[in-house]
Amino acid sequence: MIGRPIKVVALAAAIVAASLAPLALDACHATPRPITDVIDCTKLAAPELFAESVKLEKLIPDWSAIYDAAVADAGSIGFQVAGCVLSDLAQQYLTKKSTAEDETAGNAAHAALEKFRTTKAHGATFHTAAGNL
């Protein structure tokens, strides 16, 4: 009789494990959950933002390299900080459209930001001192 409760518990555990297995497999292939909140860049630590800004500004006007550096840095400093710096840099170029060259740079900056938002920031909006991006 003592063995019977153990068998029942083992059977119950097997049923629970079998029912959860598909969920575990789906979690491995799940796409990131969209973030609907705005990331307030004005409240992040200034030293982190400054260090990342100095690094990314050296890469201007190569927005592809800026995007790659922001993605690489997102792993260590967080996508919020990398995204905020990228947003701030992009904002500078998006508001400066006096020449065709400025407009081209603004479009490249916007494309890099949108790619980062999609691939690393889960669709988040970045709030900078200049507004939302």
Protein backbone atom coordinates (compact mmCIF):
# COMPACT_ATOMS: atom_id res chain seq x y z
CA MET A 1 0.00 0.00 0.00
CA ILE A 2 2.84 2.41 0.66
CA GLY A 3 3.99 2.18 -2.97
CA ARG A 4 0.58 3.16 -4.36
CA PRO A 5 0.63 6.85 -3.18
CA ILE A 6 4.11 7.22 -4.64
CA LYS A 7 2.88 5.90 -7.99
CA VAL A 8 -0.05 8.34 -7.91
CA VAL A 9 2.27 11.26 -7.17
CA ALA A 10 4.66 10.16 -9.92
CA LEU A 11 1.77 9.84 -12.38
CA ALA A 12 0.44 13.28 -11.43
CA ALA A 13 3.93 14.77 -11.89
CA ALA A 14 4.24 13.12 -15.31
CA ILE A 15 0.86 14.52 -16.39
CA VAL A 16 1.81 18.03 -15.26
CA ALA A 17 5.20 17.81 -16.99
CA ALA A 18 3.62 16.57 -20.21
CA SER A 19 1.06 19.37 -20.19
CA LEU A 20 3.74 22.03 -19.62
CA ALA A 21 6.19 20.75 -22.25
CA PRO A 22 4.47 22.49 -25.19
CA LEU A 23 4.53 25.76 -23.25
CA ALA A 24 8.26 25.41 -22.65
CA LEU A 25 8.87 24.78 -26.34
CA ASP A 26 6.75 27.79 -27.31
CA ALA A 27 8.67 29.98 -24.87
CA CYS A 28 11.93 29.10 -26.62
CA HIS A 29 10.58 30.40 -29.93
CA ALA A 30 8.46 33.25 -28.65
CA THR A 31 8.96 36.71 -30.07
CA PRO A 32 9.70 39.52 -27.61
CA ARG A 33 6.63 40.99 -25.96
CA PRO A 34 6.02 44.55 -27.21
CA ILE A 35 6.71 47.26 -24.69
CA THR A 36 4.01 49.88 -24.72
CA ASP A 37 5.64 52.12 -22.14
CA VAL A 38 7.77 55.11 -22.97
CA ILE A 39 11.39 54.90 -21.83
CA ASP A 40 12.14 58.23 -20.17
CA CYS A 41 15.70 59.00 -21.21
CA THR A 42 15.73 62.17 -19.12
CA LYS A 43 15.73 60.03 -15.95
CA LEU A 44 18.63 57.72 -16.83
CA ALA A 45 22.10 58.09 -15.30
CA ALA A 46 24.00 60.89 -17.03
CA PRO A 47 27.47 59.25 -16.85
CA GLU A 48 26.26 56.16 -18.73
CA LEU A 49 24.52 58.28 -21.34
CA PHE A 50 27.56 60.53 -21.78
CA ALA A 51 30.03 57.66 -22.19
CA GLU A 52 27.85 55.96 -24.80
CA SER A 53 27.20 59.26 -26.57
CA VAL A 54 30.94 60.00 -26.89
CA LYS A 55 31.49 56.52 -28.32
CA LEU A 56 28.67 56.69 -30.88
CA GLU A 57 29.36 60.29 -31.94
CA LYS A 58 32.81 59.22 -33.16
CA LEU A 59 31.07 57.03 -35.75
CA ILE A 60 28.99 59.83 -37.33
CA PRO A 61 28.00 59.90 -40.22
CA ASP A 62 28.13 56.08 -40.57
CA TRP A 63 24.67 55.24 -39.18
CA SER A 64 25.12 51.56 -39.96
CA ALA A 65 28.18 51.48 -37.69
CA ILE A 66 26.33 53.53 -35.07
CA TYR A 67 23.47 51.01 -35.13
CA ASP A 68 25.92 48.07 -34.85
CA ALA A 69 27.72 49.70 -31.91
CA ALA A 70 24.43 50.47 -30.13
CA VAL A 71 23.31 46.85 -30.55
CA ALA A 72 26.64 45.54 -29.29
CA ASP A 73 26.58 47.90 -26.29
CA ALA A 74 22.95 47.13 -25.45
CA GLY A 75 24.06 43.82 -23.98
CA SER A 76 26.31 45.46 -21.40
CA ILE A 77 24.69 48.85 -20.70
CA GLY A 78 21.09 47.92 -21.43
CA PHE A 79 18.92 48.63 -24.44
CA GLN A 80 17.41 51.60 -22.62
CA VAL A 81 20.71 53.51 -22.39
CA ALA A 82 21.86 52.53 -25.89
CA GLY A 83 18.44 53.39 -27.32
CA CYS A 84 18.30 56.73 -25.54
CA VAL A 85 21.69 57.77 -26.89
CA LEU A 86 20.77 56.59 -30.38
CA SER A 87 17.48 58.49 -30.12
CA ASP A 88 19.21 61.66 -29.02
CA LEU A 89 21.72 61.48 -31.87
CA ALA A 90 18.98 60.73 -34.37
CA GLN A 91 16.91 63.64 -33.06
CA GLN A 92 19.77 66.02 -33.81
CA TYR A 93 19.77 64.90 -37.45
CA LEU A 94 16.02 64.68 -37.84
CA THR A 95 15.56 68.31 -36.87
CA LYS A 96 18.40 69.55 -39.10
CA LYS A 97 17.09 69.37 -42.67
CA SER A 98 18.36 72.52 -44.31
CA THR A 99 20.24 70.73 -47.11
CA ALA A 100 19.79 67.54 -49.09
CA GLU A 101 22.79 66.10 -47.24
CA ASP A 102 21.14 66.87 -43.89
CA GLU A 103 17.93 65.20 -45.05
CA THR A 104 19.84 62.10 -46.18
CA ALA A 105 21.62 61.93 -42.82
CA GLY A 106 18.30 62.41 -41.02
CA ASN A 107 16.73 59.56 -42.98
CA ALA A 108 19.70 57.29 -42.19
CA ALA A 109 19.50 58.25 -38.50
CA HIS A 110 15.77 57.54 -38.42
CA ALA A 111 16.25 54.16 -40.16
CA ALA A 112 18.95 53.16 -37.64
CA LEU A 113 16.71 54.16 -34.72
CA GLU A 114 13.70 52.28 -36.09
CA LYS A 115 15.81 49.17 -36.70
CA PHE A 116 17.13 49.36 -33.12
CA ARG A 117 13.62 49.93 -31.76
CA THR A 118 12.37 46.84 -33.61
CA THR A 119 15.29 44.50 -32.95
CA LYS A 120 16.40 45.48 -29.44
CA ALA A 121 13.87 47.78 -27.79
CA HIS A 122 10.72 45.71 -28.41
CA GLY A 123 8.96 48.63 -30.08
CA ALA A 124 9.49 51.06 -27.19
CA THR A 125 9.24 54.83 -27.55
CA PHE A 126 12.20 56.85 -26.28
CA HIS A 127 11.45 60.15 -24.53
CA THR A 128 14.39 62.54 -24.88
CA ALA A 129 14.72 66.19 -23.86
CA ALA A 130 13.59 67.07 -27.40
CA GLY A 131 10.49 64.87 -27.27
CA ASN A 132 9.35 61.34 -28.10
CA LEU A 133 10.91 59.19 -30.78
